[in-house]
Amino acid sequence: MSATCPAWCSSPHRNDWDAESHDGPVWADIASVDGNGDDSVQIGTRYTSKAGIVVTLEAQSLILTPEQARGAALALLEAAFWAEDHRVA
């Protein structure tokens, strides 16, 4: 990791283009009912020089049970609160 990384950064920084980005925590994937491998809700956090700390969300046409949908919603809220708590003024 770069010497300028925040304590929470988990980025390997293997490439120059990635030097100013920092990956924050990620939440557990929530698999689609279809169970097709990569089909899941993926939520994480990241720092970018343009926007600061942001929440990342990957989800494509998934089928979720109500319980899974609530879990995804809670994880998204947790990520948003984490991002707000770690903003640099």
PDB file of N, CA and C in Angstrom:
ATOM      1  N   MET A   1       0.828  -1.185   0.000  1.00  0.00           N
ATOM      2  CA  MET A   1       0.000   0.000   0.000  1.00  0.00           C
ATOM      3  C   MET A   1       0.874   1.250   0.000  1.00  0.00           C
ATOM      4  N   SER A   2       0.320   2.296  -0.520  1.00  0.00           N
ATOM      5  CA  SER A   2       0.990   3.586  -0.559  1.00  0.00           C
ATOM      6  C   SER A   2       1.135   4.154   0.855  1.00  0.00           C
ATOM      7  N   ALA A   3       2.157   4.951   1.056  1.00  0.00           N
ATOM      8  CA  ALA A   3       2.374   5.556   2.372  1.00  0.00           C
ATOM      9  C   ALA A   3       1.265   6.557   2.712  1.00  0.00           C
ATOM     10  N   THR A   4       0.521   7.018   1.708  1.00  0.00           N
ATOM     11  CA  THR A   4      -0.529   8.000   1.940  1.00  0.00           C
ATOM     12  C   THR A   4      -1.902   7.344   2.087  1.00  0.00           C
ATOM     13  N   CYS A   5      -1.955   6.060   2.198  1.00  0.00           N
ATOM     14  CA  CYS A   5      -3.232   5.361   2.334  1.00  0.00           C
ATOM     15  C   CYS A   5      -3.838   5.592   3.713  1.00  0.00           C
ATOM     16  N   PRO A   6      -5.169   5.748   3.758  1.00  0.00           N
ATOM     17  CA  PRO A   6      -5.832   5.775   5.065  1.00  0.00           C
ATOM     18  C   PRO A   6      -5.726   4.395   5.722  1.00  0.00           C
ATOM     19  N   ALA A   7      -5.898   4.338   7.021  1.00  0.00           N
ATOM     20  CA  ALA A   7      -5.763   3.072   7.752  1.00  0.00           C
ATOM     21  C   ALA A   7      -6.725   2.003   7.244  1.00  0.00           C
ATOM     22  N   TRP A   8      -7.881   2.388   6.716  1.00  0.00           N
ATOM     23  CA  TRP A   8      -8.888   1.427   6.269  1.00  0.00           C
ATOM     24  C   TRP A   8      -8.662   0.928   4.851  1.00  0.00           C
ATOM     25  N   CYS A   9      -7.680   1.448   4.122  1.00  0.00           N
ATOM     26  CA  CYS A   9      -7.455   1.102   2.713  1.00  0.00           C
ATOM     27  C   CYS A   9      -7.016  -0.343   2.546  1.00  0.00           C
ATOM     28  N   SER A  10      -7.677  -1.041   1.634  1.00  0.00           N
ATOM     29  CA  SER A  10      -7.304  -2.422   1.333  1.00  0.00           C
ATOM     30  C   SER A  10      -6.848  -2.582  -0.118  1.00  0.00           C
ATOM     31  N   SER A  11      -6.564  -1.459  -0.802  1.00  0.00           N
ATOM     32  CA  SER A  11      -6.134  -1.492  -2.205  1.00  0.00           C
ATOM     33  C   SER A  11      -4.710  -2.009  -2.324  1.00  0.00           C
ATOM     34  N   PRO A  12      -4.450  -2.885  -3.297  1.00  0.00           N
ATOM     35  CA  PRO A  12      -3.072  -3.332  -3.510  1.00  0.00           C
ATOM     36  C   PRO A  12      -2.230  -2.277  -4.238  1.00  0.00           C
ATOM     37  N   HIS A  13      -2.834  -1.320  -4.929  1.00  0.00           N
ATOM     38  CA  HIS A  13      -2.139  -0.262  -5.681  1.00  0.00           C
ATOM     39  C   HIS A  13      -1.052  -0.831  -6.585  1.00  0.00           C
ATOM     40  N   ARG A  14      -1.422  -1.765  -7.419  1.00  0.00           N
ATOM     41  CA  ARG A  14      -0.465  -2.402  -8.326  1.00  0.00           C
ATOM     42  C   ARG A  14      -0.204  -1.585  -9.594  1.00  0.00           C
ATOM     43  N   ASN A  15      -1.092  -0.648  -9.919  1.00  0.00           N
ATOM     44  CA  ASN A  15      -0.965   0.127 -11.150  1.00  0.00           C
ATOM     45  C   ASN A  15      -0.972   1.617 -10.846  1.00  0.00           C
ATOM     46  N   ASP A  16      -0.328   2.399 -11.704  1.00  0.00           N
ATOM     47  CA  ASP A  16      -0.299   3.847 -11.522  1.00  0.00           C
ATOM     48  C   ASP A  16      -1.693   4.452 -11.532  1.00  0.00           C
ATOM     49  N   TRP A  17      -2.584   3.929 -12.398  1.00  0.00           N
ATOM     50  CA  TRP A  17      -3.938   4.482 -12.492  1.00  0.00           C
ATOM     51  C   TRP A  17      -4.731   4.278 -11.208  1.00  0.00           C
ATOM     52  N   ASP A  18      -4.295   3.366 -10.373  1.00  0.00           N
ATOM     53  CA  ASP A  18      -4.990   3.047  -9.130  1.00  0.00           C
ATOM     54  C   ASP A  18      -4.367   3.736  -7.909  1.00  0.00           C
ATOM     55  N   ALA A  19      -3.347   4.538  -8.130  1.00  0.00           N
ATOM     56  CA  ALA A  19      -2.575   5.098  -7.015  1.00  0.00           C
ATOM     57  C   ALA A  19      -3.380   6.012  -6.105  1.00  0.00           C
ATOM     58  N   GLU A  20      -4.343   6.756  -6.651  1.00  0.00           N
ATOM     59  CA  GLU A  20      -5.087   7.709  -5.834  1.00  0.00           C
ATOM     60  C   GLU A  20      -6.431   7.181  -5.359  1.00  0.00           C
ATOM     61  N   SER A  21      -6.761   5.945  -5.679  1.00  0.00           N
ATOM     62  CA  SER A  21      -8.011   5.340  -5.227  1.00  0.00           C
ATOM     63  C   SER A  21      -7.729   4.455  -4.030  1.00  0.00           C
ATOM     64  N   HIS A  22      -8.688   4.359  -3.146  1.00  0.00           N
ATOM     65  CA  HIS A  22      -8.533   3.511  -1.966  1.00  0.00           C
ATOM     66  C   HIS A  22      -9.805   2.704  -1.774  1.00  0.00           C
ATOM     67  N   ASP A  23      -9.658   1.377  -1.712  1.00  0.00           N
ATOM     68  CA  ASP A  23     -10.804   0.510  -1.460  1.00  0.00           C
ATOM     69  C   ASP A  23     -11.048   0.425   0.032  1.00  0.00           C
ATOM     70  N   GLY A  24     -12.296   0.663   0.425  1.00  0.00           N
ATOM     71  CA  GLY A  24     -12.692   0.534   1.821  1.00  0.00           C
ATOM     72  C   GLY A  24     -13.345  -0.810   2.056  1.00  0.00           C
ATOM     73  N   PRO A  25     -14.067  -0.939   3.139  1.00  0.00           N
ATOM     74  CA  PRO A  25     -14.693  -2.221   3.459  1.00  0.00           C
ATOM     75  C   PRO A  25     -15.755  -2.615   2.433  1.00  0.00           C
ATOM     76  N   VAL A  26     -15.995  -3.907   2.351  1.00  0.00           N
ATOM     77  CA  VAL A  26     -17.056  -4.456   1.509  1.00  0.00           C
ATOM     78  C   VAL A  26     -17.982  -5.278   2.395  1.00  0.00           C
ATOM     79  N   TRP A  27     -19.206  -5.411   1.968  1.00  0.00           N
ATOM     80  CA  TRP A  27     -20.188  -6.187   2.709  1.00  0.00           C
ATOM     81  C   TRP A  27     -20.384  -7.518   2.006  1.00  0.00           C
ATOM     82  N   ALA A  28     -20.879  -8.501   2.722  1.00  0.00           N
ATOM     83  CA  ALA A  28     -21.055  -9.843   2.162  1.00  0.00           C
ATOM     84  C   ALA A  28     -21.978  -9.796   0.947  1.00  0.00           C
ATOM     85  N   ASP A  29     -21.617 -10.520  -0.118  1.00  0.00           N
ATOM     86  CA  ASP A  29     -22.460 -10.619  -1.306  1.00  0.00           C
ATOM     87  C   ASP A  29     -23.786 -11.277  -0.948  1.00  0.00           C
ATOM     88  N   ILE A  30     -24.837 -10.856  -1.625  1.00  0.00           N
ATOM     89  CA  ILE A  30     -26.156 -11.464  -1.445  1.00  0.00           C
ATOM     90  C   ILE A  30     -26.511 -12.114  -2.768  1.00  0.00           C
ATOM     91  N   ALA A  31     -26.480 -13.448  -2.810  1.00  0.00           N
ATOM     92  CA  ALA A  31     -26.676 -14.195  -4.051  1.00  0.00           C
ATOM     93  C   ALA A  31     -28.122 -14.147  -4.515  1.00  0.00           C
ATOM     94  N   SER A  32     -28.297 -14.138  -5.827  1.00  0.00           N
ATOM     95  CA  SER A  32     -29.627 -14.196  -6.423  1.00  0.00           C
ATOM     96  C   SER A  32     -30.249 -15.563  -6.165  1.00  0.00           C
ATOM     97  N   VAL A  33     -31.563 -15.606  -6.088  1.00  0.00           N
ATOM     98  CA  VAL A  33     -32.275 -16.872  -5.915  1.00  0.00           C
ATOM     99  C   VAL A  33     -31.911 -17.852  -7.040  1.00  0.00           C
ATOM    100  N   ASP A  34     -31.621 -17.311  -8.224  1.00  0.00           N
ATOM    101  CA  ASP A  34     -31.238 -18.150  -9.365  1.00  0.00           C
ATOM    102  C   ASP A  34     -29.953 -18.917  -9.097  1.00  0.00           C
ATOM    103  N   GLY A  35     -29.086 -18.374  -8.235  1.00  0.00           N
ATOM    104  CA  GLY A  35     -27.837 -19.038  -7.884  1.00  0.00           C
ATOM    105  C   GLY A  35     -26.855 -19.166  -9.031  1.00  0.00           C
ATOM    106  N   ASN A  36     -26.844 -18.192  -9.924  1.00  0.00           N
ATOM    107  CA  ASN A  36     -25.962 -18.251 -11.089  1.00  0.00           C
ATOM    108  C   ASN A  36     -24.608 -17.601 -10.821  1.00  0.00           C
ATOM    109  N   GLY A  37     -23.842 -18.135  -9.934  1.00  0.00           N
ATOM    110  CA  GLY A  37     -22.460 -17.704  -9.702  1.00  0.00           C
ATOM    111  C   GLY A  37     -22.266 -16.235  -9.426  1.00  0.00           C
ATOM    112  N   ASP A  38     -22.003 -15.445 -10.467  1.00  0.00           N
ATOM    113  CA  ASP A  38     -21.686 -14.030 -10.300  1.00  0.00           C
ATOM    114  C   ASP A  38     -22.915 -13.162 -10.050  1.00  0.00           C
ATOM    115  N   ASP A  39     -24.105 -13.746 -10.079  1.00  0.00           N
ATOM    116  CA  ASP A  39     -25.325 -12.970  -9.880  1.00  0.00           C
ATOM    117  C   ASP A  39     -25.537 -12.710  -8.401  1.00  0.00           C
ATOM    118  N   SER A  40     -25.086 -11.542  -7.957  1.00  0.00           N
ATOM    119  CA  SER A  40     -25.249 -11.187  -6.552  1.00  0.00           C
ATOM    120  C   SER A  40     -25.230  -9.681  -6.396  1.00  0.00           C
ATOM    121  N   VAL A  41     -25.767  -9.206  -5.285  1.00  0.00           N
ATOM    122  CA  VAL A  41     -25.655  -7.809  -4.916  1.00  0.00           C
ATOM    123  C   VAL A  41     -24.298  -7.661  -4.227  1.00  0.00           C
ATOM    124  N   GLN A  42     -23.508  -6.720  -4.710  1.00  0.00           N
ATOM    125  CA  GLN A  42     -22.189  -6.476  -4.141  1.00  0.00           C
ATOM    126  C   GLN A  42     -22.108  -5.012  -3.729  1.00  0.00           C
ATOM    127  N   ILE A  43     -21.798  -4.769  -2.460  1.00  0.00           N
ATOM    128  CA  ILE A  43     -21.762  -3.418  -1.916  1.00  0.00           C
ATOM    129  C   ILE A  43     -20.399  -3.179  -1.270  1.00  0.00           C
ATOM    130  N   GLY A  44     -19.813  -2.050  -1.565  1.00  0.00           N
ATOM    131  CA  GLY A  44     -18.524  -1.716  -0.982  1.00  0.00           C
ATOM    132  C   GLY A  44     -18.358  -0.213  -0.879  1.00  0.00           C
ATOM    133  N   THR A  45     -17.158   0.215  -0.526  1.00  0.00           N
ATOM    134  CA  THR A  45     -16.826   1.631  -0.419  1.00  0.00           C
ATOM    135  C   THR A  45     -15.490   1.871  -1.083  1.00  0.00           C
ATOM    136  N   ARG A  46     -15.273   3.096  -1.508  1.00  0.00           N
ATOM    137  CA  ARG A  46     -14.055   3.430  -2.239  1.00  0.00           C
ATOM    138  C   ARG A  46     -13.837   4.932  -2.142  1.00  0.00           C
ATOM    139  N   TYR A  47     -12.587   5.337  -2.160  1.00  0.00           N
ATOM    140  CA  TYR A  47     -12.248   6.755  -2.225  1.00  0.00           C
ATOM    141  C   TYR A  47     -11.825   7.074  -3.656  1.00  0.00           C
ATOM    142  N   THR A  48     -12.351   8.147  -4.214  1.00  0.00           N
ATOM    143  CA  THR A  48     -11.892   8.643  -5.513  1.00  0.00           C
ATOM    144  C   THR A  48     -11.549  10.119  -5.358  1.00  0.00           C
ATOM    145  N   SER A  49     -10.558  10.576  -6.122  1.00  0.00           N
ATOM    146  CA  SER A  49     -10.135  11.973  -6.001  1.00  0.00           C
ATOM    147  C   SER A  49     -11.217  12.938  -6.477  1.00  0.00           C
ATOM    148  N   LYS A  50     -12.115  12.485  -7.341  1.00  0.00           N
ATOM    149  CA  LYS A  50     -13.168  13.363  -7.855  1.00  0.00           C
ATOM    150  C   LYS A  50     -14.335  13.523  -6.884  1.00  0.00           C
ATOM    151  N   ALA A  51     -14.723  12.463  -6.185  1.00  0.00           N
ATOM    152  CA  ALA A  51     -15.933  12.503  -5.368  1.00  0.00           C
ATOM    153  C   ALA A  51     -15.706  12.256  -3.884  1.00  0.00           C
ATOM    154  N   GLY A  52     -14.509  11.894  -3.496  1.00  0.00           N
ATOM    155  CA  GLY A  52     -14.255  11.541  -2.099  1.00  0.00           C
ATOM    156  C   GLY A  52     -14.677  10.102  -1.838  1.00  0.00           C
ATOM    157  N   ILE A  53     -15.150   9.831  -0.642  1.00  0.00           N
ATOM    158  CA  ILE A  53     -15.564   8.472  -0.298  1.00  0.00           C
ATOM    159  C   ILE A  53     -16.963   8.229  -0.844  1.00  0.00           C
ATOM    160  N   VAL A  54     -17.093   7.135  -1.593  1.00  0.00           N
ATOM    161  CA  VAL A  54     -18.359   6.792  -2.230  1.00  0.00           C
ATOM    162  C   VAL A  54     -18.735   5.353  -1.892  1.00  0.00           C
ATOM    163  N   VAL A  55     -19.996   5.023  -2.135  1.00  0.00           N
ATOM    164  CA  VAL A  55     -20.499   3.662  -1.972  1.00  0.00           C
ATOM    165  C   VAL A  55     -20.557   3.032  -3.360  1.00  0.00           C
ATOM    166  N   THR A  56     -20.082   1.799  -3.480  1.00  0.00           N
ATOM    167  CA  THR A  56     -20.165   1.081  -4.755  1.00  0.00           C
ATOM    168  C   THR A  56     -21.271   0.033  -4.661  1.00  0.00           C
ATOM    169  N   LEU A  57     -22.001  -0.131  -5.748  1.00  0.00           N
ATOM    170  CA  LEU A  57     -23.113  -1.078  -5.786  1.00  0.00           C
ATOM    171  C   LEU A  57     -23.113  -1.796  -7.121  1.00  0.00           C
ATOM    172  N   GLU A  58     -23.078  -3.116  -7.080  1.00  0.00           N
ATOM    173  CA  GLU A  58     -23.188  -3.948  -8.280  1.00  0.00           C
ATOM    174  C   GLU A  58     -24.420  -4.821  -8.114  1.00  0.00           C
ATOM    175  N   ALA A  59     -25.363  -4.688  -9.024  1.00  0.00           N
ATOM    176  CA  ALA A  59     -26.571  -5.519  -8.984  1.00  0.00           C
ATOM    177  C   ALA A  59     -27.225  -5.477 -10.359  1.00  0.00           C
ATOM    178  N   GLN A  60     -27.447  -6.637 -10.947  1.00  0.00           N
ATOM    179  CA  GLN A  60     -28.032  -6.686 -12.280  1.00  0.00           C
ATOM    180  C   GLN A  60     -29.179  -7.677 -12.332  1.00  0.00           C
ATOM    181  N   SER A  61     -30.372  -7.188 -12.533  1.00  0.00           N
ATOM    182  CA  SER A  61     -31.563  -8.029 -12.755  1.00  0.00           C
ATOM    183  C   SER A  61     -31.595  -9.264 -11.869  1.00  0.00           C
ATOM    184  N   LEU A  62     -31.471  -9.063 -10.570  1.00  0.00           N
ATOM    185  CA  LEU A  62     -31.427 -10.185  -9.643  1.00  0.00           C
ATOM    186  C   LEU A  62     -32.809 -10.517  -9.116  1.00  0.00           C
ATOM    187  N   ILE A  63     -32.974 -11.746  -8.706  1.00  0.00           N
ATOM    188  CA  ILE A  63     -34.201 -12.189  -8.063  1.00  0.00           C
ATOM    189  C   ILE A  63     -33.846 -12.456  -6.605  1.00  0.00           C
ATOM    190  N   LEU A  64     -34.450 -11.671  -5.698  1.00  0.00           N
ATOM    191  CA  LEU A  64     -34.140 -11.799  -4.279  1.00  0.00           C
ATOM    192  C   LEU A  64     -35.411 -12.120  -3.505  1.00  0.00           C
ATOM    193  N   THR A  65     -35.256 -12.898  -2.454  1.00  0.00           N
ATOM    194  CA  THR A  65     -36.373 -13.114  -1.537  1.00  0.00           C
ATOM    195  C   THR A  65     -36.563 -11.822  -0.741  1.00  0.00           C
ATOM    196  N   PRO A  66     -37.696 -11.644  -0.087  1.00  0.00           N
ATOM    197  CA  PRO A  66     -37.850 -10.449   0.758  1.00  0.00           C
ATOM    198  C   PRO A  66     -36.736 -10.342   1.807  1.00  0.00           C
ATOM    199  N   GLU A  67     -36.343 -11.457   2.385  1.00  0.00           N
ATOM    200  CA  GLU A  67     -35.269 -11.449   3.382  1.00  0.00           C
ATOM    201  C   GLU A  67     -33.955 -10.984   2.756  1.00  0.00           C
ATOM    202  N   GLN A  68     -33.642 -11.481   1.557  1.00  0.00           N
ATOM    203  CA  GLN A  68     -32.415 -11.064   0.877  1.00  0.00           C
ATOM    204  C   GLN A  68     -32.472  -9.579   0.515  1.00  0.00           C
ATOM    205  N   ALA A  69     -33.623  -9.113   0.076  1.00  0.00           N
ATOM    206  CA  ALA A  69     -33.772  -7.701  -0.278  1.00  0.00           C
ATOM    207  C   ALA A  69     -33.564  -6.811   0.945  1.00  0.00           C
ATOM    208  N   ARG A  70     -34.102  -7.218   2.091  1.00  0.00           N
ATOM    209  CA  ARG A  70     -33.885  -6.455   3.324  1.00  0.00           C
ATOM    210  C   ARG A  70     -32.408  -6.460   3.698  1.00  0.00           C
ATOM    211  N   GLY A  71     -31.750  -7.609   3.545  1.00  0.00           N
ATOM    212  CA  GLY A  71     -30.319  -7.687   3.837  1.00  0.00           C
ATOM    213  C   GLY A  71     -29.507  -6.761   2.945  1.00  0.00           C
ATOM    214  N   ALA A  72     -29.859  -6.707   1.663  1.00  0.00           N
ATOM    215  CA  ALA A  72     -29.163  -5.811   0.737  1.00  0.00           C
ATOM    216  C   ALA A  72     -29.402  -4.360   1.114  1.00  0.00           C
ATOM    217  N   ALA A  73     -30.637  -4.034   1.471  1.00  0.00           N
ATOM    218  CA  ALA A  73     -30.971  -2.662   1.867  1.00  0.00           C
ATOM    219  C   ALA A  73     -30.199  -2.254   3.118  1.00  0.00           C
ATOM    220  N   LEU A  74     -30.120  -3.146   4.091  1.00  0.00           N
ATOM    221  CA  LEU A  74     -29.377  -2.842   5.321  1.00  0.00           C
ATOM    222  C   LEU A  74     -27.890  -2.667   5.034  1.00  0.00           C
ATOM    223  N   ALA A  75     -27.334  -3.517   4.195  1.00  0.00           N
ATOM    224  CA  ALA A  75     -25.915  -3.405   3.855  1.00  0.00           C
ATOM    225  C   ALA A  75     -25.647  -2.092   3.132  1.00  0.00           C
ATOM    226  N   LEU A  76     -26.548  -1.684   2.250  1.00  0.00           N
ATOM    227  CA  LEU A  76     -26.384  -0.427   1.541  1.00  0.00           C
ATOM    228  C   LEU A  76     -26.436   0.759   2.513  1.00  0.00           C
ATOM    229  N   LEU A  77     -27.348   0.714   3.471  1.00  0.00           N
ATOM    230  CA  LEU A  77     -27.410   1.759   4.496  1.00  0.00           C
ATOM    231  C   LEU A  77     -26.145   1.782   5.344  1.00  0.00           C
ATOM    232  N   GLU A  78     -25.649   0.616   5.743  1.00  0.00           N
ATOM    233  CA  GLU A  78     -24.418   0.552   6.536  1.00  0.00           C
ATOM    234  C   GLU A  78     -23.252   1.155   5.759  1.00  0.00           C
ATOM    235  N   ALA A  79     -23.160   0.845   4.473  1.00  0.00           N
ATOM    236  CA  ALA A  79     -22.082   1.392   3.643  1.00  0.00           C
ATOM    237  C   ALA A  79     -22.193   2.909   3.549  1.00  0.00           C
ATOM    238  N   ALA A  80     -23.407   3.414   3.394  1.00  0.00           N
ATOM    239  CA  ALA A  80     -23.608   4.862   3.315  1.00  0.00           C
ATOM    240  C   ALA A  80     -23.192   5.547   4.621  1.00  0.00           C
ATOM    241  N   PHE A  81     -23.576   4.971   5.759  1.00  0.00           N
ATOM    242  CA  PHE A  81     -23.174   5.548   7.041  1.00  0.00           C
ATOM    243  C   PHE A  81     -21.664   5.485   7.227  1.00  0.00           C
ATOM    244  N   TRP A  82     -21.039   4.369   6.818  1.00  0.00           N
ATOM    245  CA  TRP A  82     -19.588   4.243   6.925  1.00  0.00           C
ATOM    246  C   TRP A  82     -18.925   5.335   6.093  1.00  0.00           C
ATOM    247  N   ALA A  83     -19.400   5.511   4.867  1.00  0.00           N
ATOM    248  CA  ALA A  83     -18.809   6.528   3.979  1.00  0.00           C
ATOM    249  C   ALA A  83     -18.946   7.924   4.591  1.00  0.00           C
ATOM    250  N   GLU A  84     -20.110   8.242   5.140  1.00  0.00           N
ATOM    251  CA  GLU A  84     -20.292   9.548   5.776  1.00  0.00           C
ATOM    252  C   GLU A  84     -19.365   9.725   6.972  1.00  0.00           C
ATOM    253  N   ASP A  85     -19.199   8.680   7.764  1.00  0.00           N
ATOM    254  CA  ASP A  85     -18.347   8.750   8.948  1.00  0.00           C
ATOM    255  C   ASP A  85     -16.865   8.918   8.610  1.00  0.00           C
ATOM    256  N   HIS A  86     -16.464   8.542   7.403  1.00  0.00           N
ATOM    257  CA  HIS A  86     -15.053   8.586   7.034  1.00  0.00           C
ATOM    258  C   HIS A  86     -14.724   9.676   6.029  1.00  0.00           C
ATOM    259  N   ARG A  87     -15.630  10.591   5.797  1.00  0.00           N
ATOM    260  CA  ARG A  87     -15.344  11.716   4.899  1.00  0.00           C
ATOM    261  C   ARG A  87     -14.307  12.623   5.528  1.00  0.00           C
ATOM    262  N   VAL A  88     -13.468  13.170   4.670  1.00  0.00           N
ATOM    263  CA  VAL A  88     -12.464  14.138   5.120  1.00  0.00           C
ATOM    264  C   VAL A  88     -13.028  15.518   4.823  1.00  0.00           C
ATOM    265  N   ALA A  89     -13.091  16.349   5.840  1.00  0.00           N
ATOM    266  CA  ALA A  89     -13.678  17.702   5.670  1.00  0.00           C
ATOM    267  C   ALA A  89     -12.783  18.604   4.859  1.00  0.00           C
TER     268      ALA A  89
END
